[in-house]
C-alpha cells in the first residue's frame, strides 16, 4: 500500500510539473520577422490595389465630365451662332426699311417753287 501511494504521488507530481517555457531561438525570431514583413507587404498591396481602383474611377469620371462639358459647349456655340444670324437678319431688314423710308421722304418733299428759289439767291 505504501508502495502504491508512493507511485501515485510520484505520478501526480510528474503530471503536475509544467512544461518548460519555449525558448526563443534565432530561427523563430527570423521567422517572426519574415511573417511581419509579409503582413506589411500584403497590406501595401491591398492599399495599392485600392489606390489603383480609386484612380481608375476618377479617370473614368473625368472623362465622362469632359464629354458632357464638350456637348454643352457645342450646344452653346450653336445657339450663339443661331442668335447672331437672327440678329444680322434683323439689322439688315432694319437698314433696308430705313433706306426705303429715306427714299420715300425724299420723294414726298415738294419741289421748291420759283419764288423760294429767288429768295434764296
PDB file of N, CA and C in Angstrom:
ATOM      1  N   UNK A   1       0.806  -1.159   0.000  1.00  0.00           N
ATOM      2  CA  UNK A   1       0.000   0.000   0.000  1.00  0.00           C
ATOM      3  C   UNK A   1       0.870   1.252   0.000  1.00  0.00           C
ATOM      4  N   UNK A   2       1.908   1.183   0.782  1.00  0.00           N
ATOM      5  CA  UNK A   2       2.830   2.299   0.814  1.00  0.00           C
ATOM      6  C   UNK A   2       3.471   2.477  -0.546  1.00  0.00           C
ATOM      7  N   UNK A   3       3.737   1.390  -1.126  1.00  0.00           N
ATOM      8  CA  UNK A   3       4.346   1.447  -2.446  1.00  0.00           C
ATOM      9  C   UNK A   3       3.368   2.047  -3.459  1.00  0.00           C
ATOM     10  N   UNK A   4       2.158   1.681  -3.418  1.00  0.00           N
ATOM     11  CA  UNK A   4       1.154   2.190  -4.331  1.00  0.00           C
ATOM     12  C   UNK A   4       0.966   3.685  -4.093  1.00  0.00           C
ATOM     13  N   UNK A   5       0.933   4.128  -2.866  1.00  0.00           N
ATOM     14  CA  UNK A   5       0.774   5.543  -2.542  1.00  0.00           C
ATOM     15  C   UNK A   5       1.948   6.345  -3.052  1.00  0.00           C
ATOM     16  N   UNK A   6       3.142   5.751  -2.926  1.00  0.00           N
ATOM     17  CA  UNK A   6       4.337   6.429  -3.404  1.00  0.00           C
ATOM     18  C   UNK A   6       4.316   6.557  -4.921  1.00  0.00           C
ATOM     19  N   UNK A   7       3.879   5.560  -5.611  1.00  0.00           N
ATOM     20  CA  UNK A   7       3.811   5.595  -7.082  1.00  0.00           C
ATOM     21  C   UNK A   7       2.770   6.623  -7.533  1.00  0.00           C
ATOM     22  N   UNK A   8       1.647   6.663  -6.855  1.00  0.00           N
ATOM     23  CA  UNK A   8       0.588   7.623  -7.223  1.00  0.00           C
ATOM     24  C   UNK A   8       1.077   9.041  -6.965  1.00  0.00           C
ATOM     25  N   UNK A   9       1.766   9.275  -5.867  1.00  0.00           N
ATOM     26  CA  UNK A   9       2.283  10.599  -5.552  1.00  0.00           C
ATOM     27  C   UNK A   9       3.309  11.027  -6.584  1.00  0.00           C
ATOM     28  N   UNK A  10       4.199  10.127  -6.956  1.00  0.00           N
ATOM     29  CA  UNK A  10       5.213  10.447  -7.961  1.00  0.00           C
ATOM     30  C   UNK A  10       4.570  10.722  -9.324  1.00  0.00           C
ATOM     31  N   UNK A  11       3.553   9.953  -9.659  1.00  0.00           N
ATOM     32  CA  UNK A  11       2.859  10.153 -10.934  1.00  0.00           C
ATOM     33  C   UNK A  11       2.149  11.502 -10.930  1.00  0.00           C
ATOM     34  N   UNK A  12       1.551  11.873  -9.798  1.00  0.00           N
ATOM     35  CA  UNK A  12       0.858  13.150  -9.694  1.00  0.00           C
ATOM     36  C   UNK A  12       1.846  14.298  -9.815  1.00  0.00           C
ATOM     37  N   UNK A  13       2.970  14.179  -9.152  1.00  0.00           N
ATOM     38  CA  UNK A  13       3.991  15.215  -9.246  1.00  0.00           C
ATOM     39  C   UNK A  13       4.548  15.320 -10.658  1.00  0.00           C
ATOM     40  N   UNK A  14       4.711  14.214 -11.323  1.00  0.00           N
ATOM     41  CA  UNK A  14       5.234  14.223 -12.694  1.00  0.00           C
ATOM     42  C   UNK A  14       4.252  14.903 -13.640  1.00  0.00           C
ATOM     43  N   UNK A  15       2.969  14.627 -13.419  1.00  0.00           N
ATOM     44  CA  UNK A  15       1.952  15.248 -14.293  1.00  0.00           C
ATOM     45  C   UNK A  15       1.752  16.720 -13.962  1.00  0.00           C
ATOM     46  N   UNK A  16       1.948  17.099 -12.727  1.00  0.00           N
ATOM     47  CA  UNK A  16       1.709  18.465 -12.296  1.00  0.00           C
ATOM     48  C   UNK A  16       2.808  19.406 -12.740  1.00  0.00           C
ATOM     49  N   UNK A  17       3.963  18.893 -13.042  1.00  0.00           N
ATOM     50  CA  UNK A  17       5.048  19.777 -13.483  1.00  0.00           C
ATOM     51  C   UNK A  17       4.663  20.434 -14.807  1.00  0.00           C
ATOM     52  N   UNK A  18       4.930  21.722 -14.898  1.00  0.00           N
ATOM     53  CA  UNK A  18       4.627  22.438 -16.138  1.00  0.00           C
ATOM     54  C   UNK A  18       5.766  22.239 -17.114  1.00  0.00           C
ATOM     55  N   UNK A  19       5.406  22.318 -18.376  1.00  0.00           N
ATOM     56  CA  UNK A  19       6.417  22.177 -19.416  1.00  0.00           C
ATOM     57  C   UNK A  19       7.304  23.405 -19.370  1.00  0.00           C
ATOM     58  N   UNK A  20       8.550  23.272 -19.662  1.00  0.00           N
ATOM     59  CA  UNK A  20       9.433  24.433 -19.636  1.00  0.00           C
ATOM     60  C   UNK A  20       8.993  25.445 -20.702  1.00  0.00           C
ATOM     61  N   UNK A  21       9.150  26.703 -20.413  1.00  0.00           N
ATOM     62  CA  UNK A  21       8.771  27.762 -21.350  1.00  0.00           C
ATOM     63  C   UNK A  21       9.566  27.593 -22.632  1.00  0.00           C
ATOM     64  N   UNK A  22       8.888  27.784 -23.765  1.00  0.00           N
ATOM     65  CA  UNK A  22       9.608  27.622 -25.030  1.00  0.00           C
ATOM     66  C   UNK A  22      10.730  28.650 -25.123  1.00  0.00           C
ATOM     67  N   UNK A  23      11.806  28.195 -25.566  1.00  0.00           N
ATOM     68  CA  UNK A  23      12.982  29.036 -25.662  1.00  0.00           C
ATOM     69  C   UNK A  23      12.964  29.732 -27.030  1.00  0.00           C
ATOM     70  N   UNK A  24      13.152  31.046 -27.025  1.00  0.00           N
ATOM     71  CA  UNK A  24      13.178  31.795 -28.275  1.00  0.00           C
ATOM     72  C   UNK A  24      14.507  31.520 -28.962  1.00  0.00           C
ATOM     73  N   UNK A  25      14.389  30.956 -30.120  1.00  0.00           N
ATOM     74  CA  UNK A  25      15.606  30.695 -30.877  1.00  0.00           C
ATOM     75  C   UNK A  25      15.742  31.744 -31.975  1.00  0.00           C
ATOM     76  N   UNK A  26      16.900  31.807 -32.534  1.00  0.00           N
ATOM     77  CA  UNK A  26      17.168  32.769 -33.615  1.00  0.00           C
ATOM     78  C   UNK A  26      16.297  32.463 -34.828  1.00  0.00           C
ATOM     79  N   UNK A  27      16.079  31.188 -35.108  1.00  0.00           N
ATOM     80  CA  UNK A  27      15.252  30.797 -36.251  1.00  0.00           C
ATOM     81  C   UNK A  27      13.812  31.250 -36.052  1.00  0.00           C
ATOM     82  N   UNK A  28      13.290  31.140 -34.830  1.00  0.00           N
ATOM     83  CA  UNK A  28      11.923  31.577 -34.542  1.00  0.00           C
ATOM     84  C   UNK A  28      11.797  33.093 -34.691  1.00  0.00           C
ATOM     85  N   UNK A  29      12.793  33.825 -34.216  1.00  0.00           N
ATOM     86  CA  UNK A  29      12.771  35.288 -34.346  1.00  0.00           C
ATOM     87  C   UNK A  29      12.818  35.696 -35.813  1.00  0.00           C
ATOM     88  N   UNK A  30      13.650  35.042 -36.597  1.00  0.00           N
ATOM     89  CA  UNK A  30      13.751  35.329 -38.027  1.00  0.00           C
ATOM     90  C   UNK A  30      12.415  35.027 -38.719  1.00  0.00           C
ATOM     91  N   UNK A  31      11.809  33.901 -38.366  1.00  0.00           N
ATOM     92  CA  UNK A  31      10.521  33.527 -38.939  1.00  0.00           C
ATOM     93  C   UNK A  31       9.462  34.569 -38.587  1.00  0.00           C
ATOM     94  N   UNK A  32       9.474  35.042 -37.364  1.00  0.00           N
ATOM     95  CA  UNK A  32       8.514  36.052 -36.927  1.00  0.00           C
ATOM     96  C   UNK A  32       8.710  37.359 -37.702  1.00  0.00           C
ATOM     97  N   UNK A  33       9.954  37.769 -37.913  1.00  0.00           N
ATOM     98  CA  UNK A  33      10.239  38.991 -38.693  1.00  0.00           C
ATOM     99  C   UNK A  33       9.751  38.838 -40.128  1.00  0.00           C
ATOM    100  N   UNK A  34       9.975  37.670 -40.710  1.00  0.00           N
ATOM    101  CA  UNK A  34       9.539  37.421 -42.092  1.00  0.00           C
ATOM    102  C   UNK A  34       8.021  37.483 -42.185  1.00  0.00           C
ATOM    103  N   UNK A  35       7.325  36.882 -41.220  1.00  0.00           N
ATOM    104  CA  UNK A  35       5.864  36.913 -41.225  1.00  0.00           C
ATOM    105  C   UNK A  35       5.333  38.342 -41.085  1.00  0.00           C
ATOM    106  N   UNK A  36       5.969  39.160 -40.219  1.00  0.00           N
ATOM    107  CA  UNK A  36       5.555  40.559 -40.091  1.00  0.00           C
ATOM    108  C   UNK A  36       5.789  41.320 -41.393  1.00  0.00           C
ATOM    109  N   UNK A  37       6.928  41.061 -42.041  1.00  0.00           N
ATOM    110  CA  UNK A  37       7.230  41.718 -43.324  1.00  0.00           C
ATOM    111  C   UNK A  37       6.208  41.306 -44.378  1.00  0.00           C
ATOM    112  N   UNK A  38       5.828  40.037 -44.386  1.00  0.00           N
ATOM    113  CA  UNK A  38       4.813  39.576 -45.342  1.00  0.00           C
ATOM    114  C   UNK A  38       3.462  40.235 -45.074  1.00  0.00           C
ATOM    115  N   UNK A  39       3.117  40.392 -43.805  1.00  0.00           N
ATOM    116  CA  UNK A  39       1.860  41.073 -43.466  1.00  0.00           C
ATOM    117  C   UNK A  39       1.879  42.521 -43.954  1.00  0.00           C
ATOM    118  N   UNK A  40       3.012  43.219 -43.761  1.00  0.00           N
ATOM    119  CA  UNK A  40       3.127  44.600 -44.243  1.00  0.00           C
ATOM    120  C   UNK A  40       3.032  44.655 -45.766  1.00  0.00           C
ATOM    121  N   UNK A  41       3.693  43.713 -46.428  1.00  0.00           N
ATOM    122  CA  UNK A  41       3.658  43.675 -47.889  1.00  0.00           C
ATOM    123  C   UNK A  41       2.237  43.431 -48.388  1.00  0.00           C
ATOM    124  N   UNK A  42       1.533  42.530 -47.755  1.00  0.00           N
ATOM    125  CA  UNK A  42       0.149  42.256 -48.137  1.00  0.00           C
ATOM    126  C   UNK A  42      -0.720  43.495 -47.941  1.00  0.00           C
ATOM    127  N   UNK A  43      -0.523  44.186 -46.822  1.00  0.00           N
ATOM    128  CA  UNK A  43      -1.282  45.413 -46.570  1.00  0.00           C
ATOM    129  C   UNK A  43      -0.952  46.478 -47.621  1.00  0.00           C
ATOM    130  N   UNK A  44       0.320  46.606 -47.982  1.00  0.00           N
ATOM    131  CA  UNK A  44       0.720  47.570 -49.018  1.00  0.00           C
ATOM    132  C   UNK A  44       0.098  47.223 -50.364  1.00  0.00           C
ATOM    133  N   UNK A  45       0.100  45.946 -50.703  1.00  0.00           N
ATOM    134  CA  UNK A  45      -0.500  45.524 -51.975  1.00  0.00           C
ATOM    135  C   UNK A  45      -1.995  45.815 -51.986  1.00  0.00           C
ATOM    136  N   UNK A  46      -2.651  45.533 -50.878  1.00  0.00           N
ATOM    137  CA  UNK A  46      -4.078  45.808 -50.790  1.00  0.00           C
ATOM    138  C   UNK A  46      -4.344  47.305 -50.927  1.00  0.00           C
ATOM    139  N   UNK A  47      -3.528  48.098 -50.275  1.00  0.00           N
ATOM    140  CA  UNK A  47      -3.655  49.554 -50.360  1.00  0.00           C
ATOM    141  C   UNK A  47      -3.402  50.030 -51.788  1.00  0.00           C
ATOM    142  N   UNK A  48      -2.383  49.453 -52.436  1.00  0.00           N
ATOM    143  CA  UNK A  48      -2.078  49.824 -53.822  1.00  0.00           C
ATOM    144  C   UNK A  48      -3.215  49.473 -54.757  1.00  0.00           C
ATOM    145  N   UNK A  49      -3.848  48.340 -54.537  1.00  0.00           N
ATOM    146  CA  UNK A  49      -4.988  47.931 -55.363  1.00  0.00           C
ATOM    147  C   UNK A  49      -6.138  48.913 -55.176  1.00  0.00           C
ATOM    148  N   UNK A  50      -6.366  49.306 -53.939  1.00  0.00           N
ATOM    149  CA  UNK A  50      -7.431  50.268 -53.655  1.00  0.00           C
ATOM    150  C   UNK A  50      -7.128  51.606 -54.322  1.00  0.00           C
ATOM    151  N   UNK A  51      -5.874  52.054 -54.235  1.00  0.00           N
ATOM    152  CA  UNK A  51      -5.500  53.328 -54.862  1.00  0.00           C
ATOM    153  C   UNK A  51      -5.644  53.250 -56.369  1.00  0.00           C
ATOM    154  N   UNK A  52      -5.266  52.120 -56.955  1.00  0.00           N
ATOM    155  CA  UNK A  52      -5.396  51.946 -58.401  1.00  0.00           C
ATOM    156  C   UNK A  52      -6.859  51.984 -58.810  1.00  0.00           C
ATOM    157  N   UNK A  53      -7.707  51.311 -58.044  1.00  0.00           N
ATOM    158  CA  UNK A  53      -9.140  51.321 -58.336  1.00  0.00           C
ATOM    159  C   UNK A  53      -9.695  52.736 -58.237  1.00  0.00           C
ATOM    160  N   UNK A  54      -9.299  53.451 -57.181  1.00  0.00           N
ATOM    161  CA  UNK A  54      -9.772  54.824 -56.994  1.00  0.00           C
ATOM    162  C   UNK A  54      -9.313  55.715 -58.145  1.00  0.00           C
ATOM    163  N   UNK A  55      -8.064  55.584 -58.546  1.00  0.00           N
ATOM    164  CA  UNK A  55      -7.539  56.390 -59.646  1.00  0.00           C
ATOM    165  C   UNK A  55      -8.293  56.080 -60.944  1.00  0.00           C
ATOM    166  N   UNK A  56      -8.530  54.799 -61.210  1.00  0.00           N
ATOM    167  CA  UNK A  56      -9.270  54.416 -62.426  1.00  0.00           C
ATOM    168  C   UNK A  56     -10.676  55.000 -62.403  1.00  0.00           C
ATOM    169  N   UNK A  57     -11.312  54.980 -61.248  1.00  0.00           N
ATOM    170  CA  UNK A  57     -12.657  55.551 -61.113  1.00  0.00           C
ATOM    171  C   UNK A  57     -12.634  57.055 -61.370  1.00  0.00           C
ATOM    172  N   UNK A  58     -11.628  57.745 -60.837  1.00  0.00           N
ATOM    173  CA  UNK A  58     -11.516  59.192 -61.056  1.00  0.00           C
ATOM    174  C   UNK A  58     -11.275  59.517 -62.533  1.00  0.00           C
ATOM    175  N   UNK A  59     -10.441  58.718 -63.194  1.00  0.00           N
ATOM    176  CA  UNK A  59     -10.179  58.937 -64.627  1.00  0.00           C
ATOM    177  C   UNK A  59     -11.461  58.752 -65.425  1.00  0.00           C
ATOM    178  N   UNK A  60     -12.231  57.733 -65.096  1.00  0.00           N
ATOM    179  CA  UNK A  60     -13.486  57.478 -65.807  1.00  0.00           C
ATOM    180  C   UNK A  60     -14.468  58.628 -65.591  1.00  0.00           C
ATOM    181  N   UNK A  61     -14.578  59.095 -64.362  1.00  0.00           N
ATOM    182  CA  UNK A  61     -15.496  60.201 -64.074  1.00  0.00           C
ATOM    183  C   UNK A  61     -15.052  61.480 -64.783  1.00  0.00           C
ATOM    184  N   UNK A  62     -13.744  61.721 -64.816  1.00  0.00           N
ATOM    185  CA  UNK A  62     -13.233  62.905 -65.500  1.00  0.00           C
ATOM    186  C   UNK A  62     -13.567  62.849 -66.982  1.00  0.00           C
ATOM    187  N   UNK A  63     -13.405  61.684 -67.566  1.00  0.00           N
ATOM    188  CA  UNK A  63     -13.712  61.512 -68.987  1.00  0.00           C
ATOM    189  C   UNK A  63     -15.190  61.783 -69.254  1.00  0.00           C
ATOM    190  N   UNK A  64     -16.055  61.250 -68.405  1.00  0.00           N
ATOM    191  CA  UNK A  64     -17.496  61.470 -68.580  1.00  0.00           C
ATOM    192  C   UNK A  64     -17.839  62.949 -68.428  1.00  0.00           C
ATOM    193  N   UNK A  65     -17.233  63.611 -67.449  1.00  0.00           N
ATOM    194  CA  UNK A  65     -17.496  65.038 -67.242  1.00  0.00           C
ATOM    195  C   UNK A  65     -16.997  65.862 -68.423  1.00  0.00           C
ATOM    196  N   UNK A  66     -15.854  65.473 -68.976  1.00  0.00           N
ATOM    197  CA  UNK A  66     -15.299  66.164 -70.141  1.00  0.00           C
ATOM    198  C   UNK A  66     -16.238  66.049 -71.340  1.00  0.00           C
ATOM    199  N   UNK A  67     -16.798  64.862 -71.544  1.00  0.00           N
ATOM    200  CA  UNK A  67     -17.721  64.657 -72.663  1.00  0.00           C
ATOM    201  C   UNK A  67     -18.966  65.519 -72.499  1.00  0.00           C
ATOM    202  N   UNK A  68     -19.497  65.587 -71.295  1.00  0.00           N
ATOM    203  CA  UNK A  68     -20.679  66.412 -71.050  1.00  0.00           C
ATOM    204  C   UNK A  68     -20.343  67.883 -71.276  1.00  0.00           C
ATOM    205  N   UNK A  69     -19.182  68.321 -70.795  1.00  0.00           N
ATOM    206  CA  UNK A  69     -18.773  69.722 -70.967  1.00  0.00           C
ATOM    207  C   UNK A  69     -18.618  70.064 -72.448  1.00  0.00           C
ATOM    208  N   UNK A  70     -18.041  69.156 -73.221  1.00  0.00           N
ATOM    209  CA  UNK A  70     -17.888  69.403 -74.660  1.00  0.00           C
ATOM    210  C   UNK A  70     -19.243  69.503 -75.347  1.00  0.00           C
ATOM    211  N   UNK A  71     -20.166  68.627 -74.973  1.00  0.00           N
ATOM    212  CA  UNK A  71     -21.503  68.650 -75.578  1.00  0.00           C
ATOM    213  C   UNK A  71     -22.205  69.957 -75.251  1.00  0.00           C
ATOM    214  N   UNK A  72     -22.126  70.385 -73.990  1.00  0.00           N
ATOM    215  CA  UNK A  72     -22.770  71.631 -73.582  1.00  0.00           C
ATOM    216  C   UNK A  72     -22.141  72.816 -74.319  1.00  0.00           C
ATOM    217  N   UNK A  73     -20.819  72.814 -74.454  1.00  0.00           N
ATOM    218  CA  UNK A  73     -20.134  73.898 -75.160  1.00  0.00           C
ATOM    219  C   UNK A  73     -20.558  73.938 -76.626  1.00  0.00           C
ATOM    220  N   UNK A  74     -20.627  72.772 -77.272  1.00  0.00           N
ATOM    221  CA  UNK A  74     -21.061  72.731 -78.673  1.00  0.00           C
ATOM    222  C   UNK A  74     -22.481  73.277 -78.830  1.00  0.00           C
ATOM    223  N   UNK A  75     -23.373  72.883 -77.926  1.00  0.00           N
ATOM    224  CA  UNK A  75     -24.751  73.376 -77.990  1.00  0.00           C
ATOM    225  C   UNK A  75     -24.791  74.882 -77.758  1.00  0.00           C
ATOM    226  N   UNK A  76     -23.973  75.360 -76.848  1.00  0.00           N
ATOM    227  CA  UNK A  76     -23.934  76.788 -76.548  1.00  0.00           C
ATOM    228  C   UNK A  76     -23.434  77.588 -77.761  1.00  0.00           C
ATOM    229  N   UNK A  77     -22.382  77.095 -78.397  1.00  0.00           N
ATOM    230  CA  UNK A  77     -21.842  77.778 -79.587  1.00  0.00           C
ATOM    231  C   UNK A  77     -22.877  77.769 -80.710  1.00  0.00           C
ATOM    232  N   UNK A  78     -23.562  76.659 -80.910  1.00  0.00           N
ATOM    233  CA  UNK A  78     -24.596  76.587 -81.957  1.00  0.00           C
ATOM    234  C   UNK A  78     -25.712  77.593 -81.670  1.00  0.00           C
ATOM    235  N   UNK A  79     -26.111  77.721 -80.412  1.00  0.00           N
ATOM    236  CA  UNK A  79     -27.162  78.672 -80.043  1.00  0.00           C
ATOM    237  C   UNK A  79     -26.694  80.109 -80.279  1.00  0.00           C
ATOM    238  N   UNK A  80     -25.431  80.405 -79.942  1.00  0.00           N
ATOM    239  CA  UNK A  80     -24.889  81.755 -80.183  1.00  0.00           C
ATOM    240  C   UNK A  80     -24.882  82.062 -81.681  1.00  0.00           C
ATOM    241  N   UNK A  81     -24.477  81.091 -82.503  1.00  0.00           N
ATOM    242  CA  UNK A  81     -24.459  81.304 -83.955  1.00  0.00           C
ATOM    243  C   UNK A  81     -25.867  81.525 -84.495  1.00  0.00           C
ATOM    244  N   UNK A  82     -26.828  80.768 -83.988  1.00  0.00           N
ATOM    245  CA  UNK A  82     -28.215  80.921 -84.432  1.00  0.00           C
ATOM    246  C   UNK A  82     -28.737  82.313 -84.079  1.00  0.00           C
ATOM    247  N   UNK A  83     -28.477  82.742 -82.855  1.00  0.00           N
ATOM    248  CA  UNK A  83     -28.954  84.062 -82.434  1.00  0.00           C
ATOM    249  C   UNK A  83     -28.237  85.181 -83.186  1.00  0.00           C
ATOM    250  N   UNK A  84     -26.949  85.004 -83.487  1.00  0.00           N
ATOM    251  CA  UNK A  84     -26.203  86.009 -84.252  1.00  0.00           C
ATOM    252  C   UNK A  84     -26.773  86.132 -85.665  1.00  0.00           C
ATOM    253  N   UNK A  85     -27.127  85.009 -86.270  1.00  0.00           N
ATOM    254  CA  UNK A  85     -27.711  85.045 -87.623  1.00  0.00           C
ATOM    255  C   UNK A  85     -29.047  85.775 -87.600  1.00  0.00           C
ATOM    256  N   UNK A  86     -29.864  85.521 -86.589  1.00  0.00           N
ATOM    257  CA  UNK A  86     -31.149  86.215 -86.475  1.00  0.00           C
ATOM    258  C   UNK A  86     -30.923  87.707 -86.287  1.00  0.00           C
ATOM    259  N   UNK A  87     -29.950  88.072 -85.456  1.00  0.00           N
ATOM    260  CA  UNK A  87     -29.654  89.483 -85.220  1.00  0.00           C
ATOM    261  C   UNK A  87     -29.174  90.166 -86.503  1.00  0.00           C
ATOM    262  N   UNK A  88     -28.300  89.496 -87.241  1.00  0.00           N
ATOM    263  CA  UNK A  88     -27.816  90.056 -88.513  1.00  0.00           C
ATOM    264  C   UNK A  88     -28.973  90.270 -89.484  1.00  0.00           C
ATOM    265  N   UNK A  89     -29.876  89.310 -89.549  1.00  0.00           N
ATOM    266  CA  UNK A  89     -31.034  89.419 -90.442  1.00  0.00           C
ATOM    267  C   UNK A  89     -31.910  90.601 -90.038  1.00  0.00           C
ATOM    268  N   UNK A  90     -32.134  90.770 -88.756  1.00  0.00           N
ATOM    269  CA  UNK A  90     -32.941  91.899 -88.271  1.00  0.00           C
ATOM    270  C   UNK A  90     -32.265  93.235 -88.599  1.00  0.00           C
ATOM    271  N   UNK A  91     -30.952  93.290 -88.399  1.00  0.00           N
ATOM    272  CA  UNK A  91     -30.230  94.532 -88.683  1.00  0.00           C
ATOM    273  C   UNK A  91     -30.283  94.856 -90.179  1.00  0.00           C
ATOM    274  N   UNK A  92     -30.141  93.841 -91.035  1.00  0.00           N
ATOM    275  CA  UNK A  92     -30.208  94.069 -92.491  1.00  0.00           C
ATOM    276  C   UNK A  92     -31.597  94.546 -92.877  1.00  0.00           C
ATOM    277  N   UNK A  93     -32.638  93.917 -92.312  1.00  0.00           N
ATOM    278  CA  UNK A  93     -34.010  94.325 -92.603  1.00  0.00           C
ATOM    279  C   UNK A  93     -34.247  95.769 -92.142  1.00  0.00           C
ATOM    280  N   UNK A  94     -33.702  96.118 -90.982  1.00  0.00           N
ATOM    281  CA  UNK A  94     -33.861  97.464 -90.448  1.00  0.00           C
ATOM    282  C   UNK A  94     -33.178  98.489 -91.354  1.00  0.00           C
ATOM    283  N   UNK A  95     -31.968  98.121 -91.858  1.00  0.00           N
ATOM    284  CA  UNK A  95     -31.262  99.019 -92.784  1.00  0.00           C
ATOM    285  C   UNK A  95     -32.080  99.236 -94.054  1.00  0.00           C
ATOM    286  N   UNK A  96     -32.636  98.170 -94.588  1.00  0.00           N
ATOM    287  CA  UNK A  96     -33.455  98.297 -95.805  1.00  0.00           C
ATOM    288  C   UNK A  96     -34.691  99.160 -95.543  1.00  0.00           C
ATOM    289  N   UNK A  97     -35.348  98.909 -94.403  1.00  0.00           N
ATOM    290  CA  UNK A  97     -36.530  99.708 -94.073  1.00  0.00           C
ATOM    291  C   UNK A  97     -36.154 101.185 -93.933  1.00  0.00           C
ATOM    292  N   UNK A  98     -35.026 101.432 -93.298  1.00  0.00           N
ATOM    293  CA  UNK A  98     -34.575 102.814 -93.110  1.00  0.00           C
ATOM    294  C   UNK A  98     -34.268 103.470 -94.462  1.00  0.00           C
ATOM    295  N   UNK A  99     -33.614 102.715 -95.360  1.00  0.00           N
ATOM    296  CA  UNK A  99     -33.309 103.270 -96.693  1.00  0.00           C
ATOM    297  C   UNK A  99     -34.591 103.540 -97.474  1.00  0.00           C
ATOM    298  N   UNK A 100     -35.581 102.658 -97.375  1.00  0.00           N
ATOM    299  CA  UNK A 100     -36.855 102.853 -98.079  1.00  0.00           C
ATOM    300  C   UNK A 100     -37.566 104.087 -97.543  1.00  0.00           C
ATOM    301  N   UNK A 101     -37.528 104.291 -96.227  1.00  0.00           N
ATOM    302  CA  UNK A 101     -38.177 105.458 -95.631  1.00  0.00           C
ATOM    303  C   UNK A 101     -37.497 106.739 -96.099  1.00  0.00           C
ATOM    304  N   UNK A 102     -36.163 106.729 -96.180  1.00  0.00           N
ATOM    305  CA  UNK A 102     -35.436 107.916 -96.637  1.00  0.00           C
ATOM    306  C   UNK A 102     -35.810 108.237 -98.075  1.00  0.00           C
ATOM    307  N   UNK A 103     -35.924 107.186 -98.895  1.00  0.00           N
ATOM    308  CA  UNK A 103     -36.293 107.386-100.295  1.00  0.00           C
ATOM    309  C   UNK A 103     -37.711 107.937-100.387  1.00  0.00           C
ATOM    310  N   UNK A 104     -38.609 107.386 -99.578  1.00  0.00           N
ATOM    311  CA  UNK A 104     -39.999 107.829 -99.594  1.00  0.00           C
ATOM    312  C   UNK A 104     -40.091 109.276 -99.126  1.00  0.00           C
ATOM    313  N   UNK A 105     -39.329 109.652 -98.112  1.00  0.00           N
ATOM    314  CA  UNK A 105     -39.354 111.030 -97.612  1.00  0.00           C
ATOM    315  C   UNK A 105     -38.787 111.958 -98.668  1.00  0.00           C
ATOM    316  N   UNK A 106     -37.718 111.560 -99.342  1.00  0.00           N
ATOM    317  CA  UNK A 106     -37.117 112.396-100.376  1.00  0.00           C
ATOM    318  C   UNK A 106     -38.079 112.587-101.538  1.00  0.00           C
ATOM    319  N   UNK A 107     -38.827 111.566-101.879  1.00  0.00           N
ATOM    320  CA  UNK A 107     -39.786 111.688-102.987  1.00  0.00           C
ATOM    321  C   UNK A 107     -41.008 112.501-102.571  1.00  0.00           C
ATOM    322  N   UNK A 108     -41.369 112.476-101.323  1.00  0.00           N
ATOM    323  CA  UNK A 108     -42.559 113.172-100.842  1.00  0.00           C
ATOM    324  C   UNK A 108     -42.326 114.667-100.661  1.00  0.00           C
ATOM    325  N   UNK A 109     -41.125 115.127-100.629  1.00  0.00           N
ATOM    326  CA  UNK A 109     -40.863 116.551-100.463  1.00  0.00           C
ATOM    327  C   UNK A 109     -41.349 117.306-101.703  1.00  0.00           C
ATOM    328  N   UNK A 110     -42.015 118.404-101.459  1.00  0.00           N
ATOM    329  CA  UNK A 110     -42.484 119.193-102.618  1.00  0.00           C
ATOM    330  C   UNK A 110     -41.297 119.922-103.256  1.00  0.00           C
ATOM    331  N   UNK A 111     -41.383 120.056-104.513  1.00  0.00           N
ATOM    332  CA  UNK A 111     -40.303 120.762-105.190  1.00  0.00           C
ATOM    333  C   UNK A 111     -40.445 122.256-104.866  1.00  0.00           C
ATOM    334  N   UNK A 112     -39.358 122.955-104.868  1.00  0.00           N
ATOM    335  CA  UNK A 112     -39.390 124.359-104.495  1.00  0.00           C
ATOM    336  C   UNK A 112     -39.975 125.188-105.645  1.00  0.00           C
ATOM    337  N   UNK A 113     -40.772 126.078-105.248  1.00  0.00           N
ATOM    338  CA  UNK A 113     -41.371 126.959-106.257  1.00  0.00           C
ATOM    339  C   UNK A 113     -40.350 128.029-106.652  1.00  0.00           C
ATOM    340  N   UNK A 114     -40.520 128.635-107.794  1.00  0.00           N
ATOM    341  CA  UNK A 114     -39.562 129.635-108.218  1.00  0.00           C
ATOM    342  C   UNK A 114     -39.455 130.800-107.240  1.00  0.00           C
ATOM    343  N   UNK A 115     -40.487 131.103-106.539  1.00  0.00           N
ATOM    344  CA  UNK A 115     -40.459 132.182-105.587  1.00  0.00           C
ATOM    345  C   UNK A 115     -39.461 131.889-104.476  1.00  0.00           C
ATOM    346  N   UNK A 116     -39.404 130.637-103.976  1.00  0.00           N
ATOM    347  CA  UNK A 116     -38.454 130.265-102.941  1.00  0.00           C
ATOM    348  C   UNK A 116     -37.030 130.252-103.518  1.00  0.00           C
ATOM    349  N   UNK A 117     -36.927 129.884-104.757  1.00  0.00           N
ATOM    350  CA  UNK A 117     -35.630 129.796-105.361  1.00  0.00           C
ATOM    351  C   UNK A 117     -35.015 131.195-105.442  1.00  0.00           C
ATOM    352  N   UNK A 118     -35.821 132.246-105.766  1.00  0.00           N
ATOM    353  CA  UNK A 118     -35.334 133.597-105.898  1.00  0.00           C
ATOM    354  C   UNK A 118     -34.934 134.129-104.520  1.00  0.00           C
ATOM    355  N   UNK A 119     -35.690 133.797-103.531  1.00  0.00           N
ATOM    356  CA  UNK A 119     -35.434 134.324-102.215  1.00  0.00           C
ATOM    357  C   UNK A 119     -34.121 133.781-101.667  1.00  0.00           C
ATOM    358  N   UNK A 120     -33.811 132.589-102.031  1.00  0.00           N
ATOM    359  CA  UNK A 120     -32.577 132.009-101.502  1.00  0.00           C
ATOM    360  C   UNK A 120     -31.369 132.534-102.220  1.00  0.00           C
ATOM    361  N   UNK A 121     -31.525 133.108-103.450  1.00  0.00           N
ATOM    362  CA  UNK A 121     -30.371 133.622-104.183  1.00  0.00           C
ATOM    363  C   UNK A 121     -29.945 134.893-103.636  1.00  0.00           C
TER     364      UNK A 121
END
